[in-house]
Amino acid sequence: FFFFFFFFFPFFFFFFFFFFFFFFFFFFFFKK
């Protein structure tokens, strides 16, 4: 269980970061 959590945690963090970056980029582009 610990191994799975440790392996799944980085993936989730990366996905969240990517989503945030995409949203910010879209907002900037739309505003421009």
PDB file of N, CA and C in Angstrom:
ATOM      1  N   PHE A   1       0.839  -1.203   0.000  1.00  0.00           N
ATOM      2  CA  PHE A   1       0.000   0.000   0.000  1.00  0.00           C
ATOM      3  C   PHE A   1       0.880   1.261   0.000  1.00  0.00           C
ATOM      4  N   PHE A   2       1.893   1.240   0.808  1.00  0.00           N
ATOM      5  CA  PHE A   2       2.780   2.401   0.881  1.00  0.00           C
ATOM      6  C   PHE A   2       3.479   2.639  -0.460  1.00  0.00           C
ATOM      7  N   PHE A   3       3.893   1.544  -1.061  1.00  0.00           N
ATOM      8  CA  PHE A   3       4.587   1.656  -2.348  1.00  0.00           C
ATOM      9  C   PHE A   3       3.654   2.244  -3.413  1.00  0.00           C
ATOM     10  N   PHE A   4       2.435   1.769  -3.406  1.00  0.00           N
ATOM     11  CA  PHE A   4       1.452   2.250  -4.389  1.00  0.00           C
ATOM     12  C   PHE A   4       1.175   3.746  -4.177  1.00  0.00           C
ATOM     13  N   PHE A   5       1.023   4.116  -2.934  1.00  0.00           N
ATOM     14  CA  PHE A   5       0.750   5.519  -2.610  1.00  0.00           C
ATOM     15  C   PHE A   5       1.927   6.409  -3.029  1.00  0.00           C
ATOM     16  N   PHE A   6       3.113   5.920  -2.753  1.00  0.00           N
ATOM     17  CA  PHE A   6       4.302   6.694  -3.098  1.00  0.00           C
ATOM     18  C   PHE A   6       4.439   6.848  -4.610  1.00  0.00           C
ATOM     19  N   PHE A   7       4.011   5.834  -5.326  1.00  0.00           N
ATOM     20  CA  PHE A   7       4.122   5.858  -6.789  1.00  0.00           C
ATOM     21  C   PHE A   7       2.998   6.695  -7.420  1.00  0.00           C
ATOM     22  N   PHE A   8       1.842   6.651  -6.806  1.00  0.00           N
ATOM     23  CA  PHE A   8       0.688   7.371  -7.349  1.00  0.00           C
ATOM     24  C   PHE A   8       0.718   8.867  -6.988  1.00  0.00           C
ATOM     25  N   PHE A   9       1.315   9.184  -5.882  1.00  0.00           N
ATOM     26  CA  PHE A   9       1.358  10.581  -5.434  1.00  0.00           C
ATOM     27  C   PHE A   9       2.057  11.509  -6.445  1.00  0.00           C
ATOM     28  N   PRO A  10       3.243  11.182  -6.934  1.00  0.00           N
ATOM     29  CA  PRO A  10       3.950  12.034  -7.904  1.00  0.00           C
ATOM     30  C   PRO A  10       3.142  12.234  -9.182  1.00  0.00           C
ATOM     31  N   PHE A  11       2.478  11.175  -9.604  1.00  0.00           N
ATOM     32  CA  PHE A  11       1.699  11.281 -10.845  1.00  0.00           C
ATOM     33  C   PHE A  11       0.557  12.286 -10.678  1.00  0.00           C
ATOM     34  N   PHE A  12      -0.108  12.193  -9.544  1.00  0.00           N
ATOM     35  CA  PHE A  12      -1.230  13.093  -9.270  1.00  0.00           C
ATOM     36  C   PHE A  12      -0.733  14.546  -9.166  1.00  0.00           C
ATOM     37  N   PHE A  13       0.378  14.736  -8.528  1.00  0.00           N
ATOM     38  CA  PHE A  13       0.946  16.075  -8.369  1.00  0.00           C
ATOM     39  C   PHE A  13       1.311  16.672  -9.730  1.00  0.00           C
ATOM     40  N   PHE A  14       1.890  15.838 -10.580  1.00  0.00           N
ATOM     41  CA  PHE A  14       2.287  16.289 -11.919  1.00  0.00           C
ATOM     42  C   PHE A  14       1.053  16.685 -12.731  1.00  0.00           C
ATOM     43  N   PHE A  15       0.008  15.868 -12.610  1.00  0.00           N
ATOM     44  CA  PHE A  15      -1.228  16.140 -13.349  1.00  0.00           C
ATOM     45  C   PHE A  15      -1.844  17.468 -12.886  1.00  0.00           C
ATOM     46  N   PHE A  16      -1.851  17.694 -11.590  1.00  0.00           N
ATOM     47  CA  PHE A  16      -2.418  18.919 -11.035  1.00  0.00           C
ATOM     48  C   PHE A  16      -1.615  20.143 -11.506  1.00  0.00           C
ATOM     49  N   PHE A  17      -0.304  20.010 -11.498  1.00  0.00           N
ATOM     50  CA  PHE A  17       0.558  21.109 -11.927  1.00  0.00           C
ATOM     51  C   PHE A  17       0.331  21.424 -13.407  1.00  0.00           C
ATOM     52  N   PHE A  18       0.209  20.359 -14.204  1.00  0.00           N
ATOM     53  CA  PHE A  18      -0.001  20.537 -15.642  1.00  0.00           C
ATOM     54  C   PHE A  18      -1.342  21.239 -15.903  1.00  0.00           C
ATOM     55  N   PHE A  19      -2.368  20.836 -15.166  1.00  0.00           N
ATOM     56  CA  PHE A  19      -3.695  21.424 -15.332  1.00  0.00           C
ATOM     57  C   PHE A  19      -3.666  22.917 -14.958  1.00  0.00           C
ATOM     58  N   PHE A  20      -2.995  23.231 -13.881  1.00  0.00           N
ATOM     59  CA  PHE A  20      -2.902  24.618 -13.434  1.00  0.00           C
ATOM     60  C   PHE A  20      -2.166  25.474 -14.473  1.00  0.00           C
ATOM     61  N   PHE A  21      -1.086  24.929 -15.000  1.00  0.00           N
ATOM     62  CA  PHE A  21      -0.308  25.648 -16.004  1.00  0.00           C
ATOM     63  C   PHE A  21      -1.139  25.885 -17.267  1.00  0.00           C
ATOM     64  N   PHE A  22      -1.881  24.866 -17.674  1.00  0.00           N
ATOM     65  CA  PHE A  22      -2.711  24.972 -18.875  1.00  0.00           C
ATOM     66  C   PHE A  22      -3.796  26.039 -18.685  1.00  0.00           C
ATOM     67  N   PHE A  23      -4.397  26.039 -17.513  1.00  0.00           N
ATOM     68  CA  PHE A  23      -5.455  27.003 -17.218  1.00  0.00           C
ATOM     69  C   PHE A  23      -4.889  28.430 -17.243  1.00  0.00           C
ATOM     70  N   PHE A  24      -3.734  28.606 -16.658  1.00  0.00           N
ATOM     71  CA  PHE A  24      -3.105  29.926 -16.617  1.00  0.00           C
ATOM     72  C   PHE A  24      -2.773  30.399 -18.033  1.00  0.00           C
ATOM     73  N   PHE A  25      -2.245  29.505 -18.842  1.00  0.00           N
ATOM     74  CA  PHE A  25      -1.879  29.846 -20.218  1.00  0.00           C
ATOM     75  C   PHE A  25      -3.124  30.233 -21.022  1.00  0.00           C
ATOM     76  N   PHE A  26      -4.177  29.460 -20.848  1.00  0.00           N
ATOM     77  CA  PHE A  26      -5.421  29.725 -21.575  1.00  0.00           C
ATOM     78  C   PHE A  26      -5.997  31.084 -21.163  1.00  0.00           C
ATOM     79  N   PHE A  27      -5.972  31.348 -19.886  1.00  0.00           N
ATOM     80  CA  PHE A  27      -6.510  32.612 -19.378  1.00  0.00           C
ATOM     81  C   PHE A  27      -5.702  33.793 -19.937  1.00  0.00           C
ATOM     82  N   PHE A  28      -4.400  33.660 -19.950  1.00  0.00           N
ATOM     83  CA  PHE A  28      -3.540  34.726 -20.460  1.00  0.00           C
ATOM     84  C   PHE A  28      -3.795  34.953 -21.951  1.00  0.00           C
ATOM     85  N   PHE A  29      -3.921  33.871 -22.681  1.00  0.00           N
ATOM     86  CA  PHE A  29      -4.145  33.971 -24.127  1.00  0.00           C
ATOM     87  C   PHE A  29      -5.506  34.609 -24.418  1.00  0.00           C
ATOM     88  N   PHE A  30      -6.499  34.200 -23.654  1.00  0.00           N
ATOM     89  CA  PHE A  30      -7.851  34.722 -23.862  1.00  0.00           C
ATOM     90  C   PHE A  30      -7.911  36.210 -23.493  1.00  0.00           C
ATOM     91  N   LYS A  31      -7.243  36.563 -22.464  1.00  0.00           N
ATOM     92  CA  LYS A  31      -7.243  37.953 -22.000  1.00  0.00           C
ATOM     93  C   LYS A  31      -6.531  38.835 -23.037  1.00  0.00           C
ATOM     94  N   LYS A  32      -5.497  38.310 -23.609  1.00  0.00           N
ATOM     95  CA  LYS A  32      -4.752  39.067 -24.602  1.00  0.00           C
ATOM     96  C   LYS A  32      -5.625  39.216 -25.851  1.00  0.00           C
TER      97      LYS A  32
END
